[in-house]
N, C-alpha and C. Protein backbone atom coordinates (compact mmCIF):
# COMPACT_ATOMS: atom_id res chain seq x y z
N MET A 1 -25.81 -9.30 3.44
CA MET A 1 -25.13 -7.85 3.29
C MET A 1 -24.25 -8.02 2.17
N ALA A 2 -24.68 -7.23 0.88
CA ALA A 2 -24.17 -7.76 -0.44
C ALA A 2 -22.97 -6.72 -0.47
N GLY A 3 -21.82 -7.09 -1.16
CA GLY A 3 -20.84 -6.03 -1.38
C GLY A 3 -19.56 -6.51 -2.10
N LEU A 4 -18.85 -6.15 -2.72
CA LEU A 4 -17.42 -6.97 -3.53
C LEU A 4 -16.93 -7.60 -2.50
N THR A 5 -16.09 -8.35 -3.03
CA THR A 5 -15.16 -9.22 -2.53
C THR A 5 -13.85 -9.21 -3.17
N ALA A 6 -12.64 -9.84 -2.49
CA ALA A 6 -11.32 -9.66 -2.84
C ALA A 6 -10.99 -11.18 -3.61
N GLN A 7 -11.89 -11.92 -3.73
CA GLN A 7 -12.26 -13.40 -4.39
C GLN A 7 -11.29 -12.71 -6.18
N GLY A 8 -10.35 -13.62 -6.56
CA GLY A 8 -10.14 -13.43 -7.80
C GLY A 8 -9.12 -12.16 -8.18
N THR A 9 -8.60 -11.47 -7.18
CA THR A 9 -7.72 -10.17 -7.26
C THR A 9 -6.35 -10.94 -7.36
N SER A 10 -5.88 -10.17 -8.62
CA SER A 10 -4.38 -10.74 -8.55
C SER A 10 -3.50 -9.35 -9.01
N ALA A 11 -2.11 -9.43 -8.70
CA ALA A 11 -1.29 -8.21 -8.55
C ALA A 11 -0.17 -8.70 -9.29
N SER A 12 0.43 -7.56 -10.15
CA SER A 12 1.63 -7.38 -10.53
C SER A 12 2.56 -6.44 -10.24
N PHE A 13 4.07 -6.82 -10.28
CA PHE A 13 4.94 -5.76 -9.57
C PHE A 13 6.68 -6.20 -10.34
N ASN A 14 6.82 -5.43 -11.10
CA ASN A 14 8.20 -5.89 -11.54
C ASN A 14 8.61 -7.15 -12.04
N GLY A 15 7.66 -7.21 -12.87
CA GLY A 15 7.78 -8.52 -13.59
C GLY A 15 7.24 -9.96 -12.73
N ASN A 16 6.58 -10.05 -11.68
CA ASN A 16 6.20 -10.81 -10.75
C ASN A 16 4.65 -10.85 -10.15
N SER A 17 4.23 -11.87 -10.67
CA SER A 17 2.63 -11.70 -10.65
C SER A 17 2.40 -12.31 -9.31
N PHE A 18 1.17 -12.16 -8.60
CA PHE A 18 0.82 -12.93 -7.37
C PHE A 18 -0.59 -13.15 -7.10
N THR A 19 -1.33 -14.24 -6.65
CA THR A 19 -2.57 -14.11 -6.01
C THR A 19 -2.68 -13.55 -5.21
N VAL A 20 -3.63 -12.54 -4.86
CA VAL A 20 -3.59 -11.64 -3.67
C VAL A 20 -4.81 -12.35 -2.85
N THR A 21 -4.27 -12.45 -1.49
CA THR A 21 -5.61 -12.68 -0.56
C THR A 21 -6.21 -11.71 0.05
N GLY A 22 -5.44 -10.36 0.24
CA GLY A 22 -6.04 -9.21 0.57
C GLY A 22 -5.00 -8.08 0.49
N PHE A 23 -5.65 -7.07 0.68
CA PHE A 23 -4.81 -5.68 0.39
C PHE A 23 -5.41 -4.62 1.20
N SER A 24 -4.55 -3.61 1.59
CA SER A 24 -4.67 -2.44 1.90
C SER A 24 -4.22 -1.27 1.10
N PHE A 25 -5.18 -0.01 1.17
CA PHE A 25 -4.51 0.94 0.20
C PHE A 25 -4.68 1.93 0.98
N GLU A 26 -3.60 2.91 1.59
CA GLU A 26 -4.00 4.18 2.35
C GLU A 26 -3.24 5.41 1.68
N PRO A 27 -4.35 6.11 1.05
CA PRO A 27 -3.93 7.23 0.04
C PRO A 27 -3.21 8.37 0.65
N PRO A 28 -2.54 9.12 -0.07
CA PRO A 28 -1.58 10.41 0.54
C PRO A 28 -2.55 11.35 1.64
N ALA A 29 -2.32 11.71 2.66
CA ALA A 29 -2.57 12.65 3.06
C ALA A 29 -2.18 14.20 3.25
N ALA A 30 -3.05 15.00 3.31
CA ALA A 30 -2.73 16.25 3.67
C ALA A 30 -1.86 16.23 4.65
N ILE A 31 -0.71 17.20 4.73
CA ILE A 31 0.45 17.79 5.96
C ILE A 31 -0.39 18.68 6.36
N LEU A 32 -0.63 18.78 7.68
CA LEU A 32 -1.46 20.12 8.29
C LEU A 32 -0.03 20.70 9.47
N THR A 33 -0.44 21.98 9.19
CA THR A 33 0.54 22.73 10.35
C THR A 33 -0.10 23.53 11.21
N ASP A 34 0.29 23.76 12.35
CA ASP A 34 -0.41 24.46 13.80
C ASP A 34 -0.49 25.74 13.42
N MET A 35 -1.29 26.78 13.02
CA MET A 35 -1.55 28.16 12.99
C MET A 35 -2.22 28.59 13.94
N THR A 36 -2.20 28.23 15.04
CA THR A 36 -2.69 28.82 16.22
C THR A 36 -1.83 29.75 16.59
N ALA A 37 -2.63 31.20 16.98
CA ALA A 37 -1.95 32.53 17.45
C ALA A 37 -2.34 32.63 18.62
N ALA A 38 -1.20 33.15 19.19
CA ALA A 38 -1.16 33.20 20.74
C ALA A 38 -2.19 33.81 21.37
N LEU A 39 -3.18 34.52 20.45
CA LEU A 39 -4.23 35.41 21.49
C LEU A 39 -5.11 34.54 20.75
N ASP A 40 -5.33 33.52 20.32
CA ASP A 40 -6.71 32.56 20.03
C ASP A 40 -6.82 31.72 21.49
N LEU A 41 -8.28 31.58 21.45
CA LEU A 41 -9.06 30.97 22.66
C LEU A 41 -7.83 29.63 23.40
N VAL A 42 -8.03 29.46 24.53
CA VAL A 42 -6.76 28.52 25.27
C VAL A 42 -7.54 27.15 24.73
N GLY A 43 -7.09 26.40 24.51
CA GLY A 43 -7.80 24.64 23.50
C GLY A 43 -8.06 24.92 21.87
N ALA A 44 -8.04 26.15 21.62
CA ALA A 44 -8.27 26.28 20.04
C ALA A 44 -7.20 26.02 19.54
N ASN A 45 -7.47 25.32 18.12
CA ASN A 45 -6.42 24.90 17.37
C ASN A 45 -6.74 25.53 16.23
N VAL A 46 -5.86 25.96 15.15
CA VAL A 46 -6.04 26.36 13.65
C VAL A 46 -5.09 25.44 12.95
N MET A 47 -5.49 24.58 12.28
CA MET A 47 -4.39 23.81 11.22
C MET A 47 -5.23 24.38 10.13
N ALA A 48 -3.99 24.67 9.14
CA ALA A 48 -4.03 24.57 7.87
C ALA A 48 -3.24 23.63 6.68
N PRO A 49 -3.97 23.40 6.04
CA PRO A 49 -2.78 22.62 4.80
C PRO A 49 -1.46 23.16 4.22
N THR A 50 -0.47 22.53 4.46
CA THR A 50 0.91 23.03 3.88
C THR A 50 1.02 22.78 2.27
N GLY A 51 0.08 22.17 1.66
CA GLY A 51 0.24 22.03 0.15
C GLY A 51 1.06 20.84 -0.23
N GLU A 52 1.55 20.01 1.24
CA GLU A 52 2.40 19.09 0.63
C GLU A 52 1.36 17.52 1.17
N LYS A 53 2.11 16.42 0.71
CA LYS A 53 1.19 15.35 1.11
C LYS A 53 2.41 14.16 1.71
N THR A 54 1.61 13.65 2.79
CA THR A 54 2.29 12.37 2.86
C THR A 54 2.32 11.10 2.01
N PRO A 55 3.15 10.75 1.66
CA PRO A 55 3.16 9.28 0.74
C PRO A 55 2.13 8.27 1.19
N GLY A 56 1.35 7.77 0.64
CA GLY A 56 0.66 6.66 0.79
C GLY A 56 1.33 5.48 0.73
N THR A 57 0.39 4.67 1.15
CA THR A 57 0.92 3.20 1.42
C THR A 57 0.37 2.16 0.92
N ILE A 58 0.63 1.00 0.22
CA ILE A 58 0.12 -0.07 -0.05
C ILE A 58 0.46 -1.40 0.39
N THR A 59 -0.53 -2.09 1.11
CA THR A 59 0.21 -3.74 1.83
C THR A 59 -0.85 -4.54 0.83
N VAL A 60 0.30 -5.82 0.16
CA VAL A 60 -0.46 -6.50 -0.43
C VAL A 60 0.00 -8.15 0.33
N ASP A 61 -1.27 -8.66 0.81
CA ASP A 61 -0.91 -10.42 0.96
C ASP A 61 -1.33 -11.23 -0.24
N PHE A 62 -0.25 -12.24 -0.03
CA PHE A 62 -0.68 -12.91 -1.52
C PHE A 62 -0.07 -14.34 -1.00
N LEU A 63 -0.53 -15.44 -2.10
CA LEU A 63 -0.19 -16.74 -2.18
C LEU A 63 1.04 -16.83 -2.82
N ALA A 64 1.99 -17.37 -2.35
CA ALA A 64 3.37 -18.07 -3.03
C ALA A 64 2.87 -18.92 -4.46
N ASP A 65 3.71 -18.98 -5.42
CA ASP A 65 3.48 -19.79 -6.53
C ASP A 65 4.89 -20.23 -7.20
N ASN A 66 4.62 -20.84 -8.86
CA ASN A 66 5.88 -20.97 -8.92
C ASN A 66 6.38 -19.63 -9.74
N SER A 67 5.76 -18.75 -9.81
CA SER A 67 6.58 -17.32 -10.16
C SER A 67 6.91 -16.45 -8.95
N PHE A 68 6.69 -17.10 -8.10
CA PHE A 68 6.85 -16.50 -6.71
C PHE A 68 8.46 -16.01 -6.28
N SER A 69 8.68 -14.43 -5.83
CA SER A 69 10.11 -13.85 -5.71
C SER A 69 10.34 -13.55 -4.43
N ASN A 70 11.17 -13.98 -4.19
CA ASN A 70 11.80 -13.59 -2.39
C ASN A 70 11.50 -12.16 -2.07
N PRO A 71 10.64 -11.64 -1.32
CA PRO A 71 10.45 -10.36 -1.25
C PRO A 71 11.85 -9.28 -0.78
N GLN A 72 12.75 -9.85 -0.48
CA GLN A 72 14.12 -9.64 0.08
C GLN A 72 14.71 -9.19 -1.46
N ASP A 73 14.10 -9.79 -2.46
CA ASP A 73 14.96 -9.41 -3.63
C ASP A 73 14.22 -8.05 -4.43
N LEU A 74 13.10 -7.86 -3.88
CA LEU A 74 12.19 -6.50 -4.16
C LEU A 74 12.27 -5.62 -3.44
N SER A 75 12.94 -5.58 -2.38
CA SER A 75 12.87 -4.44 -1.49
C SER A 75 14.03 -3.36 -1.75
N GLY A 76 13.43 -2.21 -2.31
CA GLY A 76 14.04 -1.22 -2.68
C GLY A 76 13.77 -0.98 -4.07
N THR A 77 13.02 -1.67 -4.56
CA THR A 77 12.48 -1.70 -6.17
C THR A 77 11.69 -0.66 -6.43
N ARG A 78 11.93 0.31 -7.50
CA ARG A 78 10.91 1.16 -7.98
C ARG A 78 10.08 0.53 -9.28
N ALA A 79 9.11 0.51 -9.30
CA ALA A 79 7.79 0.00 -10.31
C ALA A 79 6.76 -0.08 -10.43
N PRO A 80 5.92 0.05 -11.37
CA PRO A 80 4.63 0.26 -11.01
C PRO A 80 3.86 -0.77 -10.31
N LEU A 81 2.87 -1.03 -9.64
CA LEU A 81 2.14 -2.18 -8.96
C LEU A 81 0.90 -1.98 -9.57
N SER A 82 0.38 -3.07 -9.77
CA SER A 82 -1.14 -3.35 -10.67
C SER A 82 -1.56 -4.26 -9.83
N ILE A 83 -3.31 -3.82 -9.28
CA ILE A 83 -3.73 -4.79 -8.80
C ILE A 83 -5.37 -4.86 -9.51
N SER A 84 -5.46 -5.80 -9.83
CA SER A 84 -6.71 -6.04 -10.82
C SER A 84 -7.63 -7.20 -10.33
N GLY A 85 -8.89 -6.67 -9.88
CA GLY A 85 -10.03 -7.80 -9.88
C GLY A 85 -11.09 -6.69 -9.44
N PRO A 86 -12.14 -7.10 -8.77
CA PRO A 86 -13.26 -6.42 -8.58
C PRO A 86 -13.10 -4.84 -8.03
N TYR A 87 -11.89 -4.80 -7.41
CA TYR A 87 -10.74 -3.43 -7.06
C TYR A 87 -9.68 -3.18 -7.54
N GLY A 88 -9.48 -2.52 -8.36
CA GLY A 88 -8.25 -2.46 -8.66
C GLY A 88 -7.67 -0.80 -8.99
N LEU A 89 -6.19 -1.14 -9.17
CA LEU A 89 -5.73 0.21 -8.69
C LEU A 89 -4.35 0.04 -9.37
N SER A 90 -3.68 0.99 -10.30
CA SER A 90 -2.20 0.91 -10.41
C SER A 90 -1.41 2.11 -10.09
N ARG A 91 0.04 2.10 -9.41
CA ARG A 91 0.45 3.14 -9.25
C ARG A 91 1.95 2.68 -8.95
N ASN A 92 2.40 3.86 -9.36
CA ASN A 92 4.11 3.99 -9.02
C ASN A 92 4.36 3.63 -7.52
N VAL A 93 5.28 2.55 -7.30
CA VAL A 93 5.37 2.36 -5.81
C VAL A 93 7.02 2.25 -5.73
N VAL A 94 7.54 2.36 -4.30
CA VAL A 94 8.71 1.56 -4.14
C VAL A 94 8.54 0.16 -2.83
N CYS A 95 8.63 -1.06 -3.20
CA CYS A 95 8.75 -1.82 -2.32
C CYS A 95 9.62 -1.79 -1.25
N THR A 96 8.95 -1.53 -0.31
CA THR A 96 9.71 -1.14 1.24
C THR A 96 10.21 -2.11 1.96
N GLY A 97 9.26 -3.74 1.67
CA GLY A 97 9.99 -4.68 2.77
C GLY A 97 8.83 -5.84 2.46
N GLY A 98 9.06 -6.70 3.38
CA GLY A 98 8.12 -7.85 2.89
C GLY A 98 8.16 -8.96 3.71
N THR A 99 7.15 -9.74 4.03
CA THR A 99 7.57 -11.15 4.85
C THR A 99 6.73 -12.51 4.38
N VAL A 100 7.53 -13.59 4.27
CA VAL A 100 6.90 -14.71 4.14
C VAL A 100 6.50 -15.73 5.17
N GLN A 101 5.45 -16.02 5.39
CA GLN A 101 5.37 -17.44 6.47
C GLN A 101 4.84 -18.44 5.64
N ALA A 102 5.31 -19.45 6.17
CA ALA A 102 5.29 -20.89 5.48
C ALA A 102 5.57 -21.91 6.91
N SER A 103 4.33 -22.94 6.71
CA SER A 103 3.82 -23.78 7.90
C SER A 103 3.79 -25.10 6.87
N VAL A 104 4.17 -26.36 7.58
CA VAL A 104 4.23 -27.50 7.37
C VAL A 104 2.57 -27.78 6.79
N GLY A 105 2.18 -28.31 5.84
CA GLY A 105 0.89 -28.38 5.45
C GLY A 105 0.10 -27.42 4.96
N ASP A 106 0.79 -26.47 4.80
CA ASP A 106 -0.07 -25.23 4.18
C ASP A 106 0.63 -24.37 3.48
N LEU A 107 -0.06 -23.94 2.76
CA LEU A 107 0.52 -22.69 1.62
C LEU A 107 1.45 -21.75 1.98
N ILE A 108 2.46 -21.36 1.05
CA ILE A 108 3.17 -20.18 1.71
C ILE A 108 2.85 -18.99 1.33
N ARG A 109 2.69 -17.89 2.42
CA ARG A 109 2.04 -17.31 2.01
C ARG A 109 3.09 -15.90 2.22
N GLY A 110 2.56 -14.75 1.81
CA GLY A 110 3.51 -13.46 1.98
C GLY A 110 2.86 -12.00 2.18
N THR A 111 3.40 -11.14 2.66
CA THR A 111 3.28 -9.78 2.63
C THR A 111 4.19 -8.90 2.11
N LEU A 112 3.73 -7.77 1.32
CA LEU A 112 4.73 -6.93 0.82
C LEU A 112 3.96 -5.62 1.16
N GLN A 113 5.46 -4.67 1.18
CA GLN A 113 4.49 -3.30 1.78
C GLN A 113 5.02 -2.50 0.55
N PHE A 114 4.75 -1.17 0.45
CA PHE A 114 4.97 -0.15 -0.76
C PHE A 114 4.66 1.04 -0.40
N THR A 115 5.53 2.16 -0.60
CA THR A 115 5.28 3.24 -0.47
C THR A 115 4.48 3.92 -1.89
N ILE A 116 3.98 4.60 -2.24
CA ILE A 116 3.44 5.45 -3.61
C ILE A 116 4.32 6.62 -3.91
N THR A 117 4.42 6.61 -4.75
CA THR A 117 5.60 7.47 -5.37
C THR A 117 5.25 8.58 -6.50
N ASP A 118 4.01 8.20 -6.47
CA ASP A 118 3.29 9.29 -7.67
C ASP A 118 1.65 9.44 -6.72
N TRP A 119 1.04 10.38 -6.92
CA TRP A 119 -0.28 10.99 -6.57
C TRP A 119 -0.50 12.05 -7.15
N TYR A 120 -1.74 11.81 -7.16
CA TYR A 120 -2.84 13.20 -7.63
C TYR A 120 -3.35 14.45 -6.92
N GLY A 121 -3.38 15.51 -7.39
CA GLY A 121 -4.11 16.47 -6.47
C GLY A 121 -3.25 17.07 -5.86
């Protein structure tokens, strides 16, 4: 089965570059409100968009290297996030946290979570 691979993907945020091992992108979603009237059929729901959207999220899994930055230092930072590779994106985000995993004999790995602060539509 042919398709895109994340091989060769990298990310940069606030002057830090990361080798990406995986990422997920959940775009902003419409907020709906229940507009069901009292006289509507029982069990029927009428949902309508409010015009507002939830902020989307991006999670980046990375390998630490010599330019590695402690996720704790990035938490709360607002800056552009750029992901380059077979699938790329660039958004303004706030880093909401991260984790680091380190085991003897293995590479240091980490995860950063971001909330998107700009969206279109």
